[in-house]
Amino acid sequence: MREQKIPLVQLTGGEPLEQPSAFELVRRLSDEGFEVVIETGGHVDISPVDPRAVLVLDVKCPGSGMEKRNLWSNLARLKPKDEIKFVLADRADFDYALRVVSEHRLDEKGCALLFSPVHGVLSPADLAAWLVKEGPRGARLNLQLHKYVWPAAERGV
């Protein structure tokens, strides 16, 4: 990575924080000057993560069927440079996300609030309209761009 002058390393895929050596890897990469971004499903305690890393933490909405996996204590551990992602299947998920933002005062943390429609289920235009009308401070529409650039690709993107 140094030879290619790549400044950023992103850990994703499955749940990177469930890997036994993930926390040490993040520390070592940070020590070597890399910017480290970790995409986490939000169900693993993030307190051992090196504070130099940026977290993109999923809050599971009811439409996912995974809402019970949310580790709510993680929200209090987030730093202003971190991001919180809500993947929404419908209006009920959007309303749920707004309640989570309000109850945990997430719009006051300084974190980016990413609102992503489930591809092929919720229209990005509908979600954008809801965000314009009711979205919290720091809210951004977040699309899975690879599904628009390579719509027929199932793997390898």
Protein backbone atom coordinates (compact mmCIF):
# COMPACT_ATOMS: atom_id res chain seq x y z
CA MET A 1 0.00 0.00 0.00
CA ARG A 2 2.87 2.36 0.76
CA GLU A 3 4.38 1.77 -2.68
CA GLN A 4 1.10 2.76 -4.35
CA LYS A 5 0.76 5.77 -2.02
CA ILE A 6 -2.69 4.65 -0.88
CA PRO A 7 -3.57 6.84 2.13
CA LEU A 8 -6.77 5.10 3.21
CA VAL A 9 -7.64 1.57 4.29
CA GLN A 10 -11.29 0.57 4.66
CA LEU A 11 -12.30 -2.53 6.60
CA THR A 12 -15.66 -3.94 5.55
CA GLY A 13 -17.39 -7.13 4.54
CA GLY A 14 -19.22 -9.23 7.03
CA GLU A 15 -18.31 -7.76 10.40
CA PRO A 16 -14.64 -6.76 10.53
CA LEU A 17 -14.71 -6.21 14.31
CA GLU A 18 -15.50 -9.90 14.85
CA GLN A 19 -12.04 -10.78 13.53
CA PRO A 20 -9.69 -11.49 16.46
CA SER A 21 -6.86 -9.28 15.17
CA ALA A 22 -8.97 -6.39 13.84
CA PHE A 23 -8.30 -4.01 16.71
CA GLU A 24 -4.54 -4.54 16.53
CA LEU A 25 -4.60 -4.15 12.73
CA VAL A 26 -6.40 -0.82 13.04
CA ARG A 27 -3.88 0.39 15.64
CA ARG A 28 -0.89 -0.64 13.53
CA LEU A 29 -2.28 0.89 10.33
CA SER A 30 -3.01 4.12 12.21
CA ASP A 31 0.51 4.12 13.68
CA GLU A 32 1.89 3.84 10.14
CA GLY A 33 -0.05 6.94 9.08
CA PHE A 34 -2.95 5.36 7.20
CA GLU A 35 -6.45 6.73 7.54
CA VAL A 36 -8.57 3.77 8.62
CA VAL A 37 -12.32 3.51 8.04
CA ILE A 38 -14.30 0.65 9.55
CA GLU A 39 -17.78 -0.28 8.35
CA THR A 40 -19.46 -2.05 11.24
CA GLY A 41 -22.89 -3.57 11.67
CA GLY A 42 -23.12 -1.97 15.10
CA HIS A 43 -23.57 -5.13 17.15
CA VAL A 44 -19.94 -5.40 18.34
CA ASP A 45 -18.63 -3.12 21.10
CA ILE A 46 -16.61 -0.35 19.43
CA SER A 47 -14.90 0.89 22.62
CA PRO A 48 -11.62 -0.98 21.89
CA VAL A 49 -11.31 0.62 18.42
CA ASP A 50 -8.36 2.99 18.09
CA PRO A 51 -9.82 6.52 18.29
CA ARG A 52 -7.93 7.56 15.15
CA ALA A 53 -10.13 5.28 13.05
CA VAL A 54 -13.36 6.50 11.46
CA LEU A 55 -16.39 4.31 12.11
CA VAL A 56 -19.36 3.91 9.78
CA LEU A 57 -21.87 2.32 12.14
CA ASP A 58 -25.10 0.71 10.95
CA VAL A 59 -28.27 1.16 12.96
CA LYS A 60 -30.51 -1.73 11.95
CA CYS A 61 -34.08 -0.66 11.17
CA PRO A 62 -37.16 -2.87 11.66
CA GLY A 63 -37.48 -3.56 7.93
CA SER A 64 -34.16 -5.42 8.05
CA GLY A 65 -35.41 -7.93 10.60
CA MET A 66 -32.14 -7.28 12.48
CA GLU A 67 -33.22 -4.46 14.80
CA LYS A 68 -32.61 -6.56 17.93
CA ARG A 69 -28.88 -6.72 17.08
CA ASN A 70 -28.32 -2.99 17.68
CA LEU A 71 -25.86 -2.38 20.51
CA TRP A 72 -27.25 0.96 21.62
CA SER A 73 -24.30 1.77 23.88
CA ASN A 74 -22.16 2.17 20.73
CA LEU A 75 -24.01 5.37 19.82
CA ALA A 76 -22.62 7.17 22.87
CA ARG A 77 -19.07 6.14 21.86
CA LEU A 78 -19.15 7.73 18.42
CA LYS A 79 -16.90 10.69 17.60
CA PRO A 80 -17.84 13.70 15.43
CA LYS A 81 -15.81 12.31 12.50
CA ASP A 82 -17.78 9.03 12.54
CA GLU A 83 -20.84 8.23 10.42
CA ILE A 84 -24.15 6.58 11.27
CA LYS A 85 -25.93 4.67 8.52
CA PHE A 86 -29.61 3.77 8.33
CA VAL A 87 -30.66 1.41 5.53
CA LEU A 88 -34.36 1.97 4.93
CA ALA A 89 -36.93 -0.32 3.34
CA ASP A 90 -39.95 1.97 3.71
CA ARG A 91 -41.49 5.02 5.39
CA ALA A 92 -41.79 3.14 8.70
CA ASP A 93 -38.00 2.64 8.70
CA PHE A 94 -37.52 6.35 7.97
CA ASP A 95 -39.74 7.31 10.90
CA TYR A 96 -37.85 4.81 13.08
CA ALA A 97 -34.52 6.38 12.05
CA LEU A 98 -35.84 9.85 12.91
CA ARG A 99 -36.84 8.60 16.37
CA VAL A 100 -33.39 7.06 16.92
CA VAL A 101 -31.71 10.32 15.86
CA SER A 102 -33.93 12.30 18.21
CA GLU A 103 -33.79 9.94 21.21
CA HIS A 104 -30.00 9.61 21.05
CA ARG A 105 -29.44 13.23 20.00
CA LEU A 106 -27.35 12.01 17.09
CA ASP A 107 -27.79 15.24 15.15
CA GLU A 108 -25.88 17.00 17.96
CA LYS A 109 -22.86 14.67 17.82
CA GLY A 110 -21.54 16.09 14.56
CA CYS A 111 -21.57 12.67 12.87
CA ALA A 112 -22.77 12.37 9.30
CA LEU A 113 -26.18 10.73 9.21
CA LEU A 114 -26.43 8.49 6.13
CA PHE A 115 -29.86 7.46 4.90
CA SER A 116 -29.73 4.65 2.33
CA PRO A 117 -32.70 3.16 0.49
CA VAL A 118 -32.77 -0.61 0.12
CA HIS A 119 -31.91 -0.92 -3.57
CA GLY A 120 -34.93 -1.89 -5.66
CA VAL A 121 -37.28 -1.61 -2.67
CA LEU A 122 -37.42 2.07 -1.65
CA SER A 123 -37.23 4.76 -4.29
CA PRO A 124 -34.24 7.09 -3.81
CA ALA A 125 -36.46 9.96 -4.97
CA ASP A 126 -39.00 9.24 -2.22
CA LEU A 127 -36.27 9.09 0.40
CA ALA A 128 -34.71 12.30 -0.91
CA ALA A 129 -38.09 14.06 -0.64
CA TRP A 130 -38.53 12.88 2.96
CA LEU A 131 -35.02 14.07 3.82
CA VAL A 132 -35.60 17.50 2.28
CA LYS A 133 -38.88 17.89 4.16
CA GLU A 134 -38.04 16.26 7.51
CA GLY A 135 -34.42 15.18 7.57
CA PRO A 136 -32.29 15.96 10.61
CA ARG A 137 -29.23 18.20 10.54
CA GLY A 138 -26.31 16.28 9.05
CA ALA A 139 -28.53 13.94 7.01
CA ARG A 140 -27.27 12.74 3.64
CA LEU A 141 -28.79 10.54 0.97
CA ASN A 142 -26.46 7.59 0.57
CA LEU A 143 -26.77 5.35 -2.50
CA GLN A 144 -24.97 2.11 -3.30
CA LEU A 145 -23.36 3.55 -6.41
CA HIS A 146 -22.01 0.23 -7.66
CA LYS A 147 -25.60 -0.96 -8.14
CA TYR A 148 -26.22 1.95 -10.50
CA VAL A 149 -22.89 1.77 -12.33
CA TRP A 150 -22.95 -2.04 -12.72
CA PRO A 151 -26.65 -2.94 -12.25
CA ALA A 152 -26.37 -6.50 -13.58
CA ALA A 153 -23.27 -7.43 -11.56
CA GLU A 154 -23.96 -9.79 -8.70
CA ARG A 155 -20.36 -10.20 -7.51
CA GLY A 156 -16.93 -8.79 -8.00
CA VAL A 157 -17.79 -5.13 -7.66
